Amino acid sequence: QRASLYTKPAKDKVGPVETVVGLGLFSLAILGPSGWILA
């Protein structure tokens, strides 16, 4: 098995809206279940 590494830069830049949405959904997926349990 070999790692699939890409040495080329990204084709399109990720915008700030996409970054915020991605980080928000990721945070919700991680913190949501624990918040539900604590609530």
PDB file of all heavy atoms in Angstrom:
ATOM      1  N   GLN A   1       0.840  -1.197   0.000  1.00  0.00           N
ATOM      2  CA  GLN A   1       0.000   0.000   0.000  1.00  0.00           C
ATOM      3  C   GLN A   1       0.871   1.240   0.000  1.00  0.00           C
ATOM      4  O   GLN A   1       1.900   1.295   0.655  1.00  0.00           O
ATOM      5  CB  GLN A   1      -0.904   0.021   1.223  1.00  0.00           C
ATOM      6  CG  GLN A   1      -2.022  -0.984   1.160  1.00  0.00           C
ATOM      7  CD  GLN A   1      -2.904  -0.912   2.394  1.00  0.00           C
ATOM      8  OE1 GLN A   1      -2.562  -0.245   3.364  1.00  0.00           O
ATOM      9  NE2 GLN A   1      -4.018  -1.596   2.366  1.00  0.00           N
ATOM     10  N   ARG A   2       0.432   2.236  -0.745  1.00  0.00           N
ATOM     11  CA  ARG A   2       1.162   3.499  -0.807  1.00  0.00           C
ATOM     12  C   ARG A   2       0.204   4.636  -0.530  1.00  0.00           C
ATOM     13  O   ARG A   2      -0.967   4.579  -0.878  1.00  0.00           O
ATOM     14  CB  ARG A   2       1.783   3.679  -2.185  1.00  0.00           C
ATOM     15  CG  ARG A   2       2.822   2.619  -2.497  1.00  0.00           C
ATOM     16  CD  ARG A   2       3.511   2.895  -3.766  1.00  0.00           C
ATOM     17  NE  ARG A   2       4.209   4.176  -3.642  1.00  0.00           N
ATOM     18  CZ  ARG A   2       4.978   4.677  -4.581  1.00  0.00           C
ATOM     19  NH1 ARG A   2       5.152   4.029  -5.703  1.00  0.00           N
ATOM     20  NH2 ARG A   2       5.580   5.827  -4.419  1.00  0.00           N
ATOM     21  N   ALA A   3       0.717   5.662   0.059  1.00  0.00           N
ATOM     22  CA  ALA A   3      -0.098   6.843   0.329  1.00  0.00           C
ATOM     23  C   ALA A   3      -0.332   7.604  -0.964  1.00  0.00           C
ATOM     24  O   ALA A   3       0.542   7.694  -1.817  1.00  0.00           O
ATOM     25  CB  ALA A   3       0.589   7.743   1.342  1.00  0.00           C
ATOM     26  N   SER A   4      -1.534   8.125  -1.114  1.00  0.00           N
ATOM     27  CA  SER A   4      -1.823   8.918  -2.309  1.00  0.00           C
ATOM     28  C   SER A   4      -1.635  10.396  -1.962  1.00  0.00           C
ATOM     29  O   SER A   4      -2.494  11.028  -1.372  1.00  0.00           O
ATOM     30  CB  SER A   4      -3.244   8.647  -2.796  1.00  0.00           C
ATOM     31  OG  SER A   4      -4.157   8.899  -1.768  1.00  0.00           O
ATOM     32  N   LEU A   5      -0.478  10.916  -2.291  1.00  0.00           N
ATOM     33  CA  LEU A   5      -0.153  12.308  -2.014  1.00  0.00           C
ATOM     34  C   LEU A   5      -0.205  13.108  -3.303  1.00  0.00           C
ATOM     35  O   LEU A   5       0.233  12.644  -4.355  1.00  0.00           O
ATOM     36  CB  LEU A   5       1.251  12.415  -1.408  1.00  0.00           C
ATOM     37  CG  LEU A   5       1.464  11.687  -0.093  1.00  0.00           C
ATOM     38  CD1 LEU A   5       2.924  11.771   0.312  1.00  0.00           C
ATOM     39  CD2 LEU A   5       0.589  12.276   0.984  1.00  0.00           C
ATOM     40  N   TYR A   6      -0.748  14.285  -3.221  1.00  0.00           N
ATOM     41  CA  TYR A   6      -0.833  15.164  -4.375  1.00  0.00           C
ATOM     42  C   TYR A   6       0.087  16.356  -4.144  1.00  0.00           C
ATOM     43  O   TYR A   6      -0.010  17.034  -3.121  1.00  0.00           O
ATOM     44  CB  TYR A   6      -2.270  15.635  -4.595  1.00  0.00           C
ATOM     45  CG  TYR A   6      -3.205  14.498  -4.888  1.00  0.00           C
ATOM     46  CD1 TYR A   6      -4.042  13.983  -3.916  1.00  0.00           C
ATOM     47  CD2 TYR A   6      -3.245  13.921  -6.151  1.00  0.00           C
ATOM     48  CE1 TYR A   6      -4.896  12.938  -4.177  1.00  0.00           C
ATOM     49  CE2 TYR A   6      -4.097  12.872  -6.428  1.00  0.00           C
ATOM     50  CZ  TYR A   6      -4.916  12.384  -5.440  1.00  0.00           C
ATOM     51  OH  TYR A   6      -5.752  11.336  -5.719  1.00  0.00           O
ATOM     52  N   THR A   7       0.968  16.615  -5.067  1.00  0.00           N
ATOM     53  CA  THR A   7       1.914  17.711  -4.893  1.00  0.00           C
ATOM     54  C   THR A   7       1.500  18.970  -5.643  1.00  0.00           C
ATOM     55  O   THR A   7       2.162  19.976  -5.538  1.00  0.00           O
ATOM     56  CB  THR A   7       3.305  17.276  -5.372  1.00  0.00           C
ATOM     57  OG1 THR A   7       3.222  16.875  -6.733  1.00  0.00           O
ATOM     58  CG2 THR A   7       3.835  16.122  -4.536  1.00  0.00           C
ATOM     59  N   LYS A   8       0.422  18.884  -6.386  1.00  0.00           N
ATOM     60  CA  LYS A   8      -0.032  20.058  -7.134  1.00  0.00           C
ATOM     61  C   LYS A   8      -0.879  20.954  -6.229  1.00  0.00           C
ATOM     62  O   LYS A   8      -1.538  20.476  -5.311  1.00  0.00           O
ATOM     63  CB  LYS A   8      -0.877  19.631  -8.335  1.00  0.00           C
ATOM     64  CG  LYS A   8      -0.103  18.820  -9.355  1.00  0.00           C
ATOM     65  CD  LYS A   8      -1.016  18.419 -10.487  1.00  0.00           C
ATOM     66  CE  LYS A   8      -0.289  17.565 -11.502  1.00  0.00           C
ATOM     67  NZ  LYS A   8      -1.166  17.120 -12.572  1.00  0.00           N
ATOM     68  N   PRO A   9      -0.896  22.251  -6.486  1.00  0.00           N
ATOM     69  CA  PRO A   9      -1.794  23.129  -5.716  1.00  0.00           C
ATOM     70  C   PRO A   9      -3.253  22.878  -6.094  1.00  0.00           C
ATOM     71  O   PRO A   9      -3.554  22.270  -7.126  1.00  0.00           O
ATOM     72  CB  PRO A   9      -1.348  24.534  -6.116  1.00  0.00           C
ATOM     73  CG  PRO A   9      -0.628  24.376  -7.394  1.00  0.00           C
ATOM     74  CD  PRO A   9      -0.055  22.989  -7.403  1.00  0.00           C
ATOM     75  N   ALA A  10      -4.145  23.340  -5.258  1.00  0.00           N
ATOM     76  CA  ALA A  10      -5.573  23.159  -5.510  1.00  0.00           C
ATOM     77  C   ALA A  10      -5.984  23.877  -6.791  1.00  0.00           C
ATOM     78  O   ALA A  10      -5.430  24.921  -7.147  1.00  0.00           O
ATOM     79  CB  ALA A  10      -6.371  23.694  -4.334  1.00  0.00           C
ATOM     80  N   LYS A  11      -6.970  23.318  -7.483  1.00  0.00           N
ATOM     81  CA  LYS A  11      -7.435  23.932  -8.732  1.00  0.00           C
ATOM     82  C   LYS A  11      -8.177  25.238  -8.459  1.00  0.00           C
ATOM     83  O   LYS A  11      -8.007  26.222  -9.170  1.00  0.00           O
ATOM     84  CB  LYS A  11      -8.350  22.967  -9.480  1.00  0.00           C
ATOM     85  CG  LYS A  11      -7.623  21.755 -10.008  1.00  0.00           C
ATOM     86  CD  LYS A  11      -8.564  20.835 -10.746  1.00  0.00           C
ATOM     87  CE  LYS A  11      -7.837  19.604 -11.249  1.00  0.00           C
ATOM     88  NZ  LYS A  11      -8.740  18.670 -11.912  1.00  0.00           N
ATOM     89  N   ASP A  12      -9.046  25.229  -7.450  1.00  0.00           N
ATOM     90  CA  ASP A  12      -9.806  26.426  -7.087  1.00  0.00           C
ATOM     91  C   ASP A  12      -9.528  26.771  -5.632  1.00  0.00           C
ATOM     92  O   ASP A  12      -9.386  25.884  -4.794  1.00  0.00           O
ATOM     93  CB  ASP A  12     -11.307  26.181  -7.252  1.00  0.00           C
ATOM     94  CG  ASP A  12     -11.676  25.859  -8.697  1.00  0.00           C
ATOM     95  OD1 ASP A  12     -11.046  26.430  -9.598  1.00  0.00           O
ATOM     96  OD2 ASP A  12     -12.593  25.039  -8.899  1.00  0.00           O
ATOM     97  N   LYS A  13      -9.498  28.057  -5.329  1.00  0.00           N
ATOM     98  CA  LYS A  13      -9.325  28.477  -3.946  1.00  0.00           C
ATOM     99  C   LYS A  13     -10.635  28.302  -3.202  1.00  0.00           C
ATOM    100  O   LYS A  13     -11.716  28.492  -3.754  1.00  0.00           O
ATOM    101  CB  LYS A  13      -8.884  29.937  -3.880  1.00  0.00           C
ATOM    102  CG  LYS A  13      -7.463  30.148  -4.311  1.00  0.00           C
ATOM    103  CD  LYS A  13      -6.984  31.512  -3.902  1.00  0.00           C
ATOM    104  CE  LYS A  13      -5.500  31.624  -4.177  1.00  0.00           C
ATOM    105  NZ  LYS A  13      -4.944  32.821  -3.570  1.00  0.00           N
ATOM    106  N   VAL A  14     -10.530  27.933  -1.930  1.00  0.00           N
ATOM    107  CA  VAL A  14     -11.707  27.778  -1.083  1.00  0.00           C
ATOM    108  C   VAL A  14     -12.030  29.148  -0.502  1.00  0.00           C
ATOM    109  O   VAL A  14     -11.182  29.793   0.125  1.00  0.00           O
ATOM    110  CB  VAL A  14     -11.425  26.759   0.041  1.00  0.00           C
ATOM    111  CG1 VAL A  14     -12.637  26.619   0.951  1.00  0.00           C
ATOM    112  CG2 VAL A  14     -11.051  25.411  -0.550  1.00  0.00           C
ATOM    113  N   GLY A  15     -13.260  29.573  -0.720  1.00  0.00           N
ATOM    114  CA  GLY A  15     -13.676  30.891  -0.254  1.00  0.00           C
ATOM    115  C   GLY A  15     -13.961  30.928   1.229  1.00  0.00           C
ATOM    116  O   GLY A  15     -14.064  29.898   1.895  1.00  0.00           O
ATOM    117  N   PRO A  16     -14.119  32.131   1.771  1.00  0.00           N
ATOM    118  CA  PRO A  16     -14.382  32.260   3.208  1.00  0.00           C
ATOM    119  C   PRO A  16     -15.738  31.678   3.615  1.00  0.00           C
ATOM    120  O   PRO A  16     -15.864  31.131   4.708  1.00  0.00           O
ATOM    121  CB  PRO A  16     -14.323  33.765   3.461  1.00  0.00           C
ATOM    122  CG  PRO A  16     -14.452  34.406   2.131  1.00  0.00           C
ATOM    123  CD  PRO A  16     -13.965  33.422   1.124  1.00  0.00           C
ATOM    124  N   VAL A  17     -16.739  31.779   2.751  1.00  0.00           N
ATOM    125  CA  VAL A  17     -18.058  31.231   3.087  1.00  0.00           C
ATOM    126  C   VAL A  17     -17.979  29.713   3.172  1.00  0.00           C
ATOM    127  O   VAL A  17     -18.513  29.095   4.109  1.00  0.00           O
ATOM    128  CB  VAL A  17     -19.107  31.670   2.046  1.00  0.00           C
ATOM    129  CG1 VAL A  17     -20.443  31.010   2.305  1.00  0.00           C
ATOM    130  CG2 VAL A  17     -19.248  33.181   2.042  1.00  0.00           C
ATOM    131  N   GLU A  18     -17.302  29.092   2.213  1.00  0.00           N
ATOM    132  CA  GLU A  18     -17.149  27.635   2.244  1.00  0.00           C
ATOM    133  C   GLU A  18     -16.368  27.186   3.471  1.00  0.00           C
ATOM    134  O   GLU A  18     -16.667  26.161   4.078  1.00  0.00           O
ATOM    135  CB  GLU A  18     -16.446  27.155   0.982  1.00  0.00           C
ATOM    136  CG  GLU A  18     -17.273  27.348  -0.275  1.00  0.00           C
ATOM    137  CD  GLU A  18     -16.473  27.052  -1.529  1.00  0.00           C
ATOM    138  OE1 GLU A  18     -15.243  27.242  -1.518  1.00  0.00           O
ATOM    139  OE2 GLU A  18     -17.092  26.636  -2.518  1.00  0.00           O
ATOM    140  N   THR A  19     -15.373  27.966   3.854  1.00  0.00           N
ATOM    141  CA  THR A  19     -14.574  27.642   5.034  1.00  0.00           C
ATOM    142  C   THR A  19     -15.426  27.708   6.290  1.00  0.00           C
ATOM    143  O   THR A  19     -15.382  26.811   7.134  1.00  0.00           O
ATOM    144  CB  THR A  19     -13.389  28.608   5.152  1.00  0.00           C
ATOM    145  OG1 THR A  19     -12.623  28.545   3.953  1.00  0.00           O
ATOM    146  CG2 THR A  19     -12.512  28.262   6.334  1.00  0.00           C
ATOM    147  N   VAL A  20     -16.205  28.767   6.429  1.00  0.00           N
ATOM    148  CA  VAL A  20     -17.047  28.932   7.614  1.00  0.00           C
ATOM    149  C   VAL A  20     -18.099  27.831   7.676  1.00  0.00           C
ATOM    150  O   VAL A  20     -18.341  27.243   8.744  1.00  0.00           O
ATOM    151  CB  VAL A  20     -17.701  30.332   7.628  1.00  0.00           C
ATOM    152  CG1 VAL A  20     -18.783  30.426   8.684  1.00  0.00           C
ATOM    153  CG2 VAL A  20     -16.645  31.397   7.835  1.00  0.00           C
ATOM    154  N   VAL A  21     -18.721  27.519   6.561  1.00  0.00           N
ATOM    155  CA  VAL A  21     -19.737  26.455   6.535  1.00  0.00           C
ATOM    156  C   VAL A  21     -19.105  25.114   6.873  1.00  0.00           C
ATOM    157  O   VAL A  21     -19.637  24.332   7.673  1.00  0.00           O
ATOM    158  CB  VAL A  21     -20.448  26.408   5.164  1.00  0.00           C
ATOM    159  CG1 VAL A  21     -21.298  25.160   5.033  1.00  0.00           C
ATOM    160  CG2 VAL A  21     -21.299  27.651   4.971  1.00  0.00           C
ATOM    161  N   GLY A  22     -17.963  24.821   6.301  1.00  0.00           N
ATOM    162  CA  GLY A  22     -17.289  23.551   6.566  1.00  0.00           C
ATOM    163  C   GLY A  22     -16.880  23.406   8.017  1.00  0.00           C
ATOM    164  O   GLY A  22     -17.118  22.363   8.644  1.00  0.00           O
ATOM    165  N   LEU A  23     -16.263  24.445   8.571  1.00  0.00           N
ATOM    166  CA  LEU A  23     -15.859  24.390   9.975  1.00  0.00           C
ATOM    167  C   LEU A  23     -17.071  24.333  10.910  1.00  0.00           C
ATOM    168  O   LEU A  23     -17.041  23.648  11.932  1.00  0.00           O
ATOM    169  CB  LEU A  23     -14.987  25.589  10.324  1.00  0.00           C
ATOM    170  CG  LEU A  23     -13.579  25.562   9.734  1.00  0.00           C
ATOM    171  CD1 LEU A  23     -12.852  26.871  10.043  1.00  0.00           C
ATOM    172  CD2 LEU A  23     -12.803  24.398  10.275  1.00  0.00           C
ATOM    173  N   GLY A  24     -18.143  25.046  10.547  1.00  0.00           N
ATOM    174  CA  GLY A  24     -19.347  25.019  11.372  1.00  0.00           C
ATOM    175  C   GLY A  24     -19.992  23.648  11.406  1.00  0.00           C
ATOM    176  O   GLY A  24     -20.367  23.143  12.468  1.00  0.00           O
ATOM    177  N   LEU A  25     -20.099  23.009  10.248  1.00  0.00           N
ATOM    178  CA  LEU A  25     -20.700  21.673  10.201  1.00  0.00           C
ATOM    179  C   LEU A  25     -19.811  20.641  10.894  1.00  0.00           C
ATOM    180  O   LEU A  25     -20.313  19.737  11.566  1.00  0.00           O
ATOM    181  CB  LEU A  25     -20.968  21.265   8.756  1.00  0.00           C
ATOM    182  CG  LEU A  25     -22.086  22.042   8.061  1.00  0.00           C
ATOM    183  CD1 LEU A  25     -22.196  21.630   6.594  1.00  0.00           C
ATOM    184  CD2 LEU A  25     -23.408  21.817   8.767  1.00  0.00           C
ATOM    185  N   PHE A  26     -18.519  20.785  10.723  1.00  0.00           N
ATOM    186  CA  PHE A  26     -17.601  19.868  11.391  1.00  0.00           C
ATOM    187  C   PHE A  26     -17.710  20.016  12.909  1.00  0.00           C
ATOM    188  O   PHE A  26     -17.756  19.021  13.641  1.00  0.00           O
ATOM    189  CB  PHE A  26     -16.170  20.138  10.927  1.00  0.00           C
ATOM    190  CG  PHE A  26     -15.170  19.178  11.478  1.00  0.00           C
ATOM    191  CD1 PHE A  26     -15.111  17.871  11.016  1.00  0.00           C
ATOM    192  CD2 PHE A  26     -14.279  19.577  12.453  1.00  0.00           C
ATOM    193  CE1 PHE A  26     -14.192  16.980  11.519  1.00  0.00           C
ATOM    194  CE2 PHE A  26     -13.355  18.693  12.963  1.00  0.00           C
ATOM    195  CZ  PHE A  26     -13.308  17.387  12.494  1.00  0.00           C
ATOM    196  N   SER A  27     -17.760  21.249  13.390  1.00  0.00           N
ATOM    197  CA  SER A  27     -17.902  21.492  14.827  1.00  0.00           C
ATOM    198  C   SER A  27     -19.228  20.956  15.349  1.00  0.00           C
ATOM    199  O   SER A  27     -19.289  20.371  16.436  1.00  0.00           O
ATOM    200  CB  SER A  27     -17.815  22.988  15.124  1.00  0.00           C
ATOM    201  OG  SER A  27     -16.568  23.478  14.716  1.00  0.00           O
ATOM    202  N   LEU A  28     -20.289  21.146  14.582  1.00  0.00           N
ATOM    203  CA  LEU A  28     -21.593  20.629  14.983  1.00  0.00           C
ATOM    204  C   LEU A  28     -21.587  19.108  15.051  1.00  0.00           C
ATOM    205  O   LEU A  28     -22.164  18.512  15.966  1.00  0.00           O
ATOM    206  CB  LEU A  28     -22.669  21.112  14.008  1.00  0.00           C
ATOM    207  CG  LEU A  28     -24.101  20.687  14.302  1.00  0.00           C
ATOM    208  CD1 LEU A  28     -24.566  21.318  15.603  1.00  0.00           C
ATOM    209  CD2 LEU A  28     -25.013  21.087  13.165  1.00  0.00           C
ATOM    210  N   ALA A  29     -20.929  18.470  14.100  1.00  0.00           N
ATOM    211  CA  ALA A  29     -20.868  17.009  14.093  1.00  0.00           C
ATOM    212  C   ALA A  29     -20.086  16.483  15.289  1.00  0.00           C
ATOM    213  O   ALA A  29     -20.401  15.417  15.832  1.00  0.00           O
ATOM    214  CB  ALA A  29     -20.226  16.522  12.795  1.00  0.00           C
ATOM    215  N   ILE A  30     -19.077  17.212  15.724  1.00  0.00           N
ATOM    216  CA  ILE A  30     -18.273  16.764  16.860  1.00  0.00           C
ATOM    217  C   ILE A  30     -18.932  17.150  18.192  1.00  0.00           C
ATOM    218  O   ILE A  30     -19.033  16.334  19.109  1.00  0.00           O
ATOM    219  CB  ILE A  30     -16.854  17.375  16.795  1.00  0.00           C
ATOM    220  CG1 ILE A  30     -16.135  16.902  15.534  1.00  0.00           C
ATOM    221  CG2 ILE A  30     -16.042  17.044  18.032  1.00  0.00           C
ATOM    222  CD1 ILE A  30     -15.888  15.422  15.459  1.00  0.00           C
ATOM    223  N   LEU A  31     -19.372  18.394  18.308  1.00  0.00           N
ATOM    224  CA  LEU A  31     -19.885  18.884  19.585  1.00  0.00           C
ATOM    225  C   LEU A  31     -21.380  18.662  19.780  1.00  0.00           C
ATOM    226  O   LEU A  31     -21.865  18.713  20.910  1.00  0.00           O
ATOM    227  CB  LEU A  31     -19.577  20.384  19.716  1.00  0.00           C
ATOM    228  CG  LEU A  31     -18.091  20.734  19.710  1.00  0.00           C
ATOM    229  CD1 LEU A  31     -17.919  22.236  19.704  1.00  0.00           C
ATOM    230  CD2 LEU A  31     -17.400  20.114  20.900  1.00  0.00           C
ATOM    231  N   GLY A  32     -22.123  18.421  18.711  1.00  0.00           N
ATOM    232  CA  GLY A  32     -23.570  18.250  18.823  1.00  0.00           C
ATOM    233  C   GLY A  32     -23.996  17.106  19.725  1.00  0.00           C
ATOM    234  O   GLY A  32     -24.800  17.296  20.656  1.00  0.00           O
ATOM    235  N   PRO A  33     -23.500  15.895  19.504  1.00  0.00           N
ATOM    236  CA  PRO A  33     -23.925  14.776  20.362  1.00  0.00           C
ATOM    237  C   PRO A  33     -23.555  14.963  21.835  1.00  0.00           C
ATOM    238  O   PRO A  33     -24.355  14.657  22.721  1.00  0.00           O
ATOM    239  CB  PRO A  33     -23.181  13.573  19.766  1.00  0.00           C
ATOM    240  CG  PRO A  33     -22.936  13.953  18.350  1.00  0.00           C
ATOM    241  CD  PRO A  33     -22.715  15.436  18.370  1.00  0.00           C
ATOM    242  N   SER A  34     -22.369  15.484  22.096  1.00  0.00           N
ATOM    243  CA  SER A  34     -21.989  15.696  23.504  1.00  0.00           C
ATOM    244  C   SER A  34     -22.845  16.799  24.133  1.00  0.00           C
ATOM    245  O   SER A  34     -23.206  16.705  25.309  1.00  0.00           O
ATOM    246  CB  SER A  34     -20.510  16.031  23.614  1.00  0.00           C
ATOM    247  OG  SER A  34     -20.211  17.181  22.877  1.00  0.00           O
ATOM    248  N   GLY A  35     -23.183  17.825  23.377  1.00  0.00           N
ATOM    249  CA  GLY A  35     -24.070  18.866  23.888  1.00  0.00           C
ATOM    250  C   GLY A  35     -25.455  18.339  24.187  1.00  0.00           C
ATOM    251  O   GLY A  35     -26.088  18.718  25.181  1.00  0.00           O
ATOM    252  N   TRP A  36     -25.942  17.449  23.331  1.00  0.00           N
ATOM    253  CA  TRP A  36     -27.254  16.828  23.551  1.00  0.00           C
ATOM    254  C   TRP A  36     -27.252  16.032  24.851  1.00  0.00           C
ATOM    255  O   TRP A  36     -28.182  16.133  25.654  1.00  0.00           O
ATOM    256  CB  TRP A  36     -27.595  15.919  22.382  1.00  0.00           C
ATOM    257  CG  TRP A  36     -28.866  15.166  22.560  1.00  0.00           C
ATOM    258  CD1 TRP A  36     -29.021  13.942  23.137  1.00  0.00           C
ATOM    259  CD2 TRP A  36     -30.173  15.607  22.205  1.00  0.00           C
ATOM    260  NE1 TRP A  36     -30.341  13.587  23.153  1.00  0.00           N
ATOM    261  CE2 TRP A  36     -31.071  14.588  22.576  1.00  0.00           C
ATOM    262  CE3 TRP A  36     -30.670  16.751  21.604  1.00  0.00           C
ATOM    263  CZ2 TRP A  36     -32.423  14.696  22.364  1.00  0.00           C
ATOM    264  CZ3 TRP A  36     -32.027  16.857  21.392  1.00  0.00           C
ATOM    265  CH2 TRP A  36     -32.890  15.831  21.764  1.00  0.00           C
ATOM    266  N   ILE A  37     -26.210  15.270  25.071  1.00  0.00           N
ATOM    267  CA  ILE A  37     -26.126  14.462  26.286  1.00  0.00           C
ATOM    268  C   ILE A  37     -26.058  15.362  27.519  1.00  0.00           C
ATOM    269  O   ILE A  37     -26.740  15.126  28.516  1.00  0.00           O
ATOM    270  CB  ILE A  37     -24.917  13.509  26.223  1.00  0.00           C
ATOM    271  CG1 ILE A  37     -25.170  12.443  25.160  1.00  0.00           C
ATOM    272  CG2 ILE A  37     -24.639  12.867  27.572  1.00  0.00           C
ATOM    273  CD1 ILE A  37     -23.988  11.595  24.835  1.00  0.00           C
ATOM    274  N   LEU A  38     -25.239  16.418  27.455  1.00  0.00           N
ATOM    275  CA  LEU A  38     -25.135  17.309  28.605  1.00  0.00           C
ATOM    276  C   LEU A  38     -26.439  18.060  28.862  1.00  0.00           C
ATOM    277  O   LEU A  38     -26.800  18.314  30.014  1.00  0.00           O
ATOM    278  CB  LEU A  38     -23.993  18.297  28.398  1.00  0.00           C
ATOM    279  CG  LEU A  38     -22.593  17.689  28.489  1.00  0.00           C
ATOM    280  CD1 LEU A  38     -21.549  18.735  28.116  1.00  0.00           C
ATOM    281  CD2 LEU A  38     -22.335  17.153  29.880  1.00  0.00           C
ATOM    282  N   ALA A  39     -27.157  18.407  27.812  1.00  0.00           N
ATOM    283  CA  ALA A  39     -28.420  19.122  27.989  1.00  0.00           C
ATOM    284  C   ALA A  39     -29.500  18.225  28.588  1.00  0.00           C
ATOM    285  O   ALA A  39     -30.402  18.707  29.278  1.00  0.00           O
ATOM    286  CB  ALA A  39     -28.890  19.679  26.653  1.00  0.00           C
TER     287      ALA A  39
END
